[in-house]
């Protein structure tokens, strides 16, 4: 089955401390001298399947780009839209996740869609 993985490495200041503790594993933060929830690095991933899409067509590539965009939004969330720094960080995170996912697929049509979306917005 064809799948692509999106990753987000973000400082946990964008995430609640409870999520950081669960994500890093039991006891990881309790170690003396270990990272605190404020400085821990969080990795979020999403797997996007595309075996049902025909990537030799524009329609298939647009559908995959929409899936990747949604997945990037999920791995790069904004907890408080009033926090402009968090919004900017999430936007950069989403952009980087999309760029990496498209690069990993080695698909020129998908890369062209990404370039066009960046030029338009």
Protein backbone atom coordinates (compact mmCIF):
# COMPACT_ATOMS: atom_id res chain seq x y z
CA UNK A 1 0.00 0.00 0.00
CA UNK A 2 1.33 3.44 -0.89
CA UNK A 3 1.77 5.73 2.11
CA UNK A 4 3.63 8.89 2.93
CA UNK A 5 4.53 9.99 6.44
CA UNK A 6 4.40 13.63 7.54
CA UNK A 7 6.47 14.68 10.52
CA UNK A 8 6.42 17.70 12.74
CA UNK A 9 9.20 18.46 15.16
CA UNK A 10 7.99 21.33 17.29
CA UNK A 11 8.73 22.72 20.70
CA UNK A 12 6.05 21.65 23.14
CA UNK A 13 5.22 25.24 23.99
CA UNK A 14 2.62 24.82 21.25
CA UNK A 15 1.16 21.79 23.02
CA UNK A 16 -0.33 21.23 26.46
CA UNK A 17 2.06 19.74 29.01
CA UNK A 18 -0.15 16.65 29.39
CA UNK A 19 0.31 15.84 25.71
CA UNK A 20 4.06 16.26 26.03
CA UNK A 21 4.18 13.78 28.89
CA UNK A 22 2.10 11.19 27.04
CA UNK A 23 4.08 11.64 23.82
CA UNK A 24 7.51 11.37 25.40
CA UNK A 25 6.55 8.25 27.33
CA UNK A 26 6.03 7.40 30.94
CA UNK A 27 8.81 8.61 33.16
CA UNK A 28 10.74 10.47 30.47
CA UNK A 29 10.09 13.83 32.07
CA UNK A 30 10.49 12.60 35.60
CA UNK A 31 14.19 11.88 35.24
CA UNK A 32 16.42 14.30 37.08
CA UNK A 33 17.88 16.74 34.63
CA UNK A 34 15.52 15.57 31.88
CA UNK A 35 13.66 17.94 29.59
CA UNK A 36 10.72 19.86 30.95
CA UNK A 37 7.41 20.14 29.13
CA UNK A 38 8.41 23.68 28.11
CA UNK A 39 11.61 22.58 26.36
CA UNK A 40 10.79 19.05 25.16
CA UNK A 41 10.72 18.26 21.45
CA UNK A 42 7.51 16.69 20.26
CA UNK A 43 7.23 14.59 17.13
CA UNK A 44 3.82 14.22 15.56
CA UNK A 45 3.32 12.06 12.50
CA UNK A 46 0.51 11.26 10.11
CA UNK A 47 0.35 8.55 7.49
CA UNK A 48 -1.42 9.43 4.26
CA UNK A 49 -2.51 6.57 2.04
CA UNK A 50 -2.77 7.11 -1.69
CA UNK A 51 -2.95 3.67 -3.28
CA UNK A 52 -6.49 4.50 -4.42
CA UNK A 53 -5.27 7.52 -6.44
CA UNK A 54 -3.95 7.62 -9.99
CA UNK A 55 -0.92 9.90 -9.72
CA UNK A 56 -0.50 9.99 -13.48
CA UNK A 57 -3.46 12.40 -13.58
CA UNK A 58 -3.90 15.96 -12.37
CA UNK A 59 -7.03 14.92 -10.48
CA UNK A 60 -5.13 12.23 -8.57
CA UNK A 61 -2.32 14.61 -7.68
CA UNK A 62 -4.74 17.31 -6.49
CA UNK A 63 -6.54 14.76 -4.33
CA UNK A 64 -3.24 13.67 -2.78
CA UNK A 65 -2.22 17.30 -2.21
CA UNK A 66 -5.51 17.90 -0.36
CA UNK A 67 -4.86 14.85 1.82
CA UNK A 68 -1.32 16.00 2.56
CA UNK A 69 -2.55 19.51 3.40
CA UNK A 70 -5.11 18.13 5.85
CA UNK A 71 -2.52 15.84 7.42
CA UNK A 72 -0.09 18.77 7.78
CA UNK A 73 -2.81 20.71 9.61
CA UNK A 74 -3.25 17.76 11.97
CA UNK A 75 0.46 17.35 12.76
CA UNK A 76 0.98 21.11 13.12
CA UNK A 77 -1.96 22.32 15.22
CA UNK A 78 -2.55 25.70 16.80
CA UNK A 79 -3.87 25.48 20.34
CA UNK A 80 -4.78 29.17 20.63
CA UNK A 81 -5.48 31.19 17.47
CA UNK A 82 -5.01 34.38 19.49
CA UNK A 83 -1.32 33.53 19.86
CA UNK A 84 0.21 35.08 16.74
CA UNK A 85 3.61 33.47 17.32
CA UNK A 86 1.97 30.04 17.57
CA UNK A 87 0.01 30.76 14.39
CA UNK A 88 3.20 31.72 12.57
CA UNK A 89 5.01 28.65 13.92
CA UNK A 90 2.16 26.37 12.83
CA UNK A 91 2.10 27.91 9.35
CA UNK A 92 5.85 27.33 8.98
CA UNK A 93 5.50 23.80 10.35
CA UNK A 94 2.73 22.98 7.86
CA UNK A 95 4.74 24.42 5.01
CA UNK A 96 7.82 22.39 5.96
CA UNK A 97 5.79 19.19 6.44
CA UNK A 98 4.16 19.59 3.02
CA UNK A 99 7.46 20.42 1.36
CA UNK A 100 9.13 17.34 2.87
CA UNK A 101 6.24 15.02 2.02
CA UNK A 102 6.14 16.22 -1.60
CA UNK A 103 9.91 15.89 -1.84
CA UNK A 104 9.76 12.33 -0.48
CA UNK A 105 7.30 11.35 -3.21
CA UNK A 106 9.52 12.48 -6.11
CA UNK A 107 6.44 13.48 -8.14
CA UNK A 108 6.90 16.51 -10.40
CA UNK A 109 3.15 17.09 -10.83
CA UNK A 110 2.68 17.19 -7.07
CA UNK A 111 5.70 19.50 -6.74
CA UNK A 112 4.13 21.85 -9.30
CA UNK A 113 0.90 21.94 -7.29
CA UNK A 114 2.90 22.82 -4.17
CA UNK A 115 4.76 25.61 -6.01
CA UNK A 116 1.49 26.99 -7.37
CA UNK A 117 -0.15 26.91 -3.91
CA UNK A 118 2.77 28.83 -2.39
CA UNK A 119 2.68 31.42 -5.16
CA UNK A 120 -1.06 31.88 -4.72
CA UNK A 121 -1.09 32.18 -0.98
